[in-house]
Amino acid sequence: MSDLHHVYLNLGSNIEPEKNIPNAIKLLSEVGEIIEVSSVWETESVGYAGPNFLNVCILLLTPLDVEQIKYKIIRPIETQMGRIRGEDQNAPRPIDIDIVLFDGAAHNTQTWNDAFVIMPLAELLPEFLHASSGEKLSAFAEQLNVKVWMRKREDVSRSLAVPRHGWGDPKIPG
């Protein structure tokens, strides 16, 4: 594998998330190398009354480009895990996987103000600059943490059998 890309992915689930988050990470580890995993964060569902979400951010190394990651990795894993894409983008789901950063460039920037994306990413990249505000992610995350209810789920985080890093242990993408 030459020319490996550094891809930060956000994984979210609110259907059996304690089972589906670790399962998704296992499936991702079979198609690339997982270097880091944030803590698991719980947030209230957005856009409807439903079960809370669990979210986590991972750093995946892969030779694939963005489109290949989306259609050869993300969509097949989501489908395998029972995700059904419909009109309601806020519907409950067993897994949702989004590309957040690709080789140090922000991807899908409309999610960069969502606490469920920024809090886990800020754990892995506290010094990285926010895509639109230019603030360090750690500072931006602290502002969000005051406005949005979130909590770490160490009980789920401990079940992840991959390297984890917390605040202050940045790994800047290549």
Protein backbone atom coordinates (compact mmCIF):
# COMPACT_ATOMS: atom_id res chain seq x y z
CA MET A 1 0.00 0.00 0.00
CA SER A 2 1.64 3.19 -1.13
CA ASP A 3 0.30 6.71 -0.92
CA LEU A 4 -2.00 6.11 2.01
CA HIS A 5 -4.58 8.79 2.67
CA HIS A 6 -5.41 10.05 6.17
CA VAL A 7 -9.20 9.98 6.47
CA TYR A 8 -11.08 11.11 9.56
CA LEU A 9 -14.51 9.50 9.70
CA ASN A 10 -17.40 10.29 12.03
CA LEU A 11 -19.52 7.27 12.97
CA GLY A 12 -22.96 7.69 14.51
CA SER A 13 -25.71 5.32 15.61
CA ASN A 14 -28.96 5.48 17.55
CA ILE A 15 -30.20 1.94 16.92
CA GLU A 16 -28.31 -0.41 19.26
CA PRO A 17 -25.33 1.98 19.21
CA GLU A 18 -23.40 0.12 21.91
CA LYS A 19 -23.25 -2.84 19.51
CA ASN A 20 -23.18 -1.04 16.15
CA ILE A 21 -20.35 1.45 16.79
CA PRO A 22 -17.83 -1.29 17.70
CA ASN A 23 -19.10 -3.46 14.84
CA ALA A 24 -18.63 -0.63 12.31
CA ILE A 25 -15.11 0.01 13.61
CA LYS A 26 -14.32 -3.70 13.22
CA LEU A 27 -15.61 -3.66 9.63
CA LEU A 28 -13.60 -0.51 8.85
CA SER A 29 -10.47 -2.13 10.28
CA GLU A 30 -10.88 -4.89 7.70
CA VAL A 31 -10.63 -2.41 4.78
CA GLY A 32 -8.00 0.01 6.11
CA GLU A 33 -5.73 0.67 9.05
CA ILE A 34 -7.32 2.41 12.01
CA ILE A 35 -4.73 4.60 13.71
CA GLU A 36 -6.81 6.50 16.29
CA VAL A 37 -10.25 6.44 17.82
CA SER A 38 -11.82 9.20 19.91
CA SER A 39 -13.99 8.67 22.93
CA VAL A 40 -17.60 7.77 22.26
CA TRP A 41 -19.94 10.73 22.77
CA GLU A 42 -23.68 10.63 23.45
CA THR A 43 -25.94 13.38 22.11
CA GLU A 44 -29.65 13.92 21.86
CA SER A 45 -31.20 13.22 18.47
CA VAL A 46 -31.59 16.24 16.19
CA GLY A 47 -34.62 16.89 14.01
CA TYR A 48 -37.00 14.42 15.67
CA ALA A 49 -37.89 12.82 18.98
CA GLY A 50 -35.97 9.57 19.08
CA PRO A 51 -33.23 7.67 20.84
CA ASN A 52 -29.96 9.42 21.62
CA PHE A 53 -27.02 9.02 19.26
CA LEU A 54 -23.56 7.76 20.01
CA ASN A 55 -20.76 9.24 17.88
CA VAL A 56 -17.06 8.56 17.53
CA CYS A 57 -14.30 9.79 15.22
CA ILE A 58 -11.62 7.55 13.77
CA LEU A 59 -8.48 8.05 11.70
CA LEU A 60 -8.36 5.52 8.86
CA LEU A 61 -5.41 5.01 6.52
CA THR A 62 -6.39 3.84 3.05
CA PRO A 63 -5.07 4.04 -0.53
CA LEU A 64 -8.60 4.90 -1.76
CA ASP A 65 -9.75 8.36 -2.82
CA VAL A 66 -12.86 10.11 -1.47
CA GLU A 67 -15.30 8.65 -4.02
CA GLN A 68 -13.88 5.15 -3.58
CA ILE A 69 -14.13 5.45 0.20
CA LYS A 70 -17.75 6.53 -0.08
CA TYR A 71 -18.87 3.86 -2.54
CA LYS A 72 -16.48 0.96 -1.80
CA ILE A 73 -16.28 1.28 1.99
CA ILE A 74 -18.90 3.52 3.61
CA ARG A 75 -22.05 2.66 1.67
CA PRO A 76 -21.41 -1.13 1.67
CA ILE A 77 -20.76 -1.13 5.45
CA GLU A 78 -23.85 0.99 6.13
CA THR A 79 -25.96 -1.34 3.96
CA GLN A 80 -24.47 -4.47 5.55
CA MET A 81 -25.36 -3.07 8.97
CA GLY A 82 -28.98 -2.38 7.98
CA ARG A 83 -28.96 1.32 7.09
CA ILE A 84 -31.86 2.23 4.83
CA ARG A 85 -31.58 5.61 3.15
CA GLY A 86 -34.91 7.40 2.81
CA GLU A 87 -36.28 10.91 2.54
CA ASP A 88 -35.94 11.58 6.29
CA GLN A 89 -32.24 12.31 6.81
CA ASN A 90 -32.81 12.47 10.58
CA ALA A 91 -34.39 9.00 10.85
CA PRO A 92 -32.97 6.51 13.36
CA ARG A 93 -30.16 4.41 11.93
CA PRO A 94 -27.91 1.54 12.95
CA ILE A 95 -24.87 3.37 11.52
CA ASP A 96 -24.01 6.56 9.70
CA ILE A 97 -20.45 7.09 8.47
CA ASP A 98 -19.29 10.47 7.17
CA ILE A 99 -15.94 11.70 5.88
CA VAL A 100 -14.88 14.71 7.97
CA LEU A 101 -11.27 15.26 6.82
CA PHE A 102 -9.38 13.86 3.86
CA ASP A 103 -5.60 14.40 3.88
CA GLY A 104 -5.97 17.46 6.07
CA ALA A 105 -8.72 19.09 3.99
CA ALA A 106 -12.18 19.61 5.46
CA HIS A 107 -14.87 17.50 3.83
CA ASN A 108 -18.64 17.88 4.19
CA THR A 109 -18.22 21.29 5.85
CA GLN A 110 -21.95 21.70 6.54
CA THR A 111 -21.46 19.34 9.52
CA TRP A 112 -18.56 21.30 10.98
CA ASN A 113 -20.84 23.19 13.38
CA ASP A 114 -22.41 20.02 14.76
CA ALA A 115 -21.18 19.11 18.22
CA PHE A 116 -21.47 15.39 17.46
CA VAL A 117 -18.82 15.85 14.72
CA ILE A 118 -16.55 18.44 16.35
CA MET A 119 -16.29 17.02 19.90
CA PRO A 120 -14.85 13.64 18.85
CA LEU A 121 -12.68 15.19 16.12
CA ALA A 122 -11.31 17.78 18.55
CA GLU A 123 -10.12 14.98 20.82
CA LEU A 124 -7.94 13.65 18.01
CA LEU A 125 -6.93 17.00 16.48
CA PRO A 126 -7.20 19.73 19.15
CA GLU A 127 -4.82 22.07 17.31
CA PHE A 128 -6.47 21.65 13.89
CA LEU A 129 -8.23 24.78 12.66
CA HIS A 130 -12.01 24.77 12.22
CA ALA A 131 -13.04 24.76 8.54
CA SER A 132 -14.97 28.06 8.67
CA SER A 133 -14.14 29.89 11.92
CA GLY A 134 -10.37 29.30 11.85
CA GLU A 135 -10.38 28.57 15.61
CA LYS A 136 -8.53 25.63 17.08
CA LEU A 137 -10.91 22.68 17.28
CA SER A 138 -10.34 22.37 21.02
CA ALA A 139 -11.59 25.94 21.59
CA PHE A 140 -14.51 25.53 19.19
CA ALA A 141 -15.46 22.25 20.89
CA GLU A 142 -15.44 23.90 24.33
CA GLN A 143 -17.87 26.56 23.06
CA LEU A 144 -20.17 23.87 21.68
CA ASN A 145 -19.95 21.86 24.89
CA VAL A 146 -21.52 24.78 26.77
CA LYS A 147 -24.40 25.05 24.28
CA VAL A 148 -25.19 21.40 23.55
CA TRP A 149 -25.80 18.49 25.92
CA MET A 150 -23.20 15.79 25.34
CA ARG A 151 -21.48 13.26 27.50
CA LYS A 152 -18.61 10.84 27.08
CA ARG A 153 -19.60 7.20 27.17
CA GLU A 154 -16.49 5.62 28.63
CA ASP A 155 -18.40 2.34 29.04
CA VAL A 156 -18.64 2.08 25.23
CA SER A 157 -15.21 3.61 24.60
CA ARG A 158 -13.56 0.88 26.71
CA SER A 159 -15.12 -1.79 24.49
CA LEU A 160 -13.27 -0.53 21.40
CA ALA A 161 -10.20 -2.69 20.84
CA VAL A 162 -8.18 -0.10 18.90
CA PRO A 163 -5.73 2.70 19.84
CA ARG A 164 -7.45 5.65 21.51
CA HIS A 165 -6.11 9.10 22.17
CA GLY A 166 -7.60 11.90 24.20
CA TRP A 167 -7.31 15.66 24.41
CA GLY A 168 -3.81 17.03 23.95
CA ASP A 169 -2.50 14.10 21.91
CA PRO A 170 -2.83 15.44 18.36
CA LYS A 171 -1.98 13.55 15.22
CA ILE A 172 -1.89 16.08 12.39
CA PRO A 173 -2.97 14.55 9.07
CA GLY A 174 -0.40 14.15 6.28
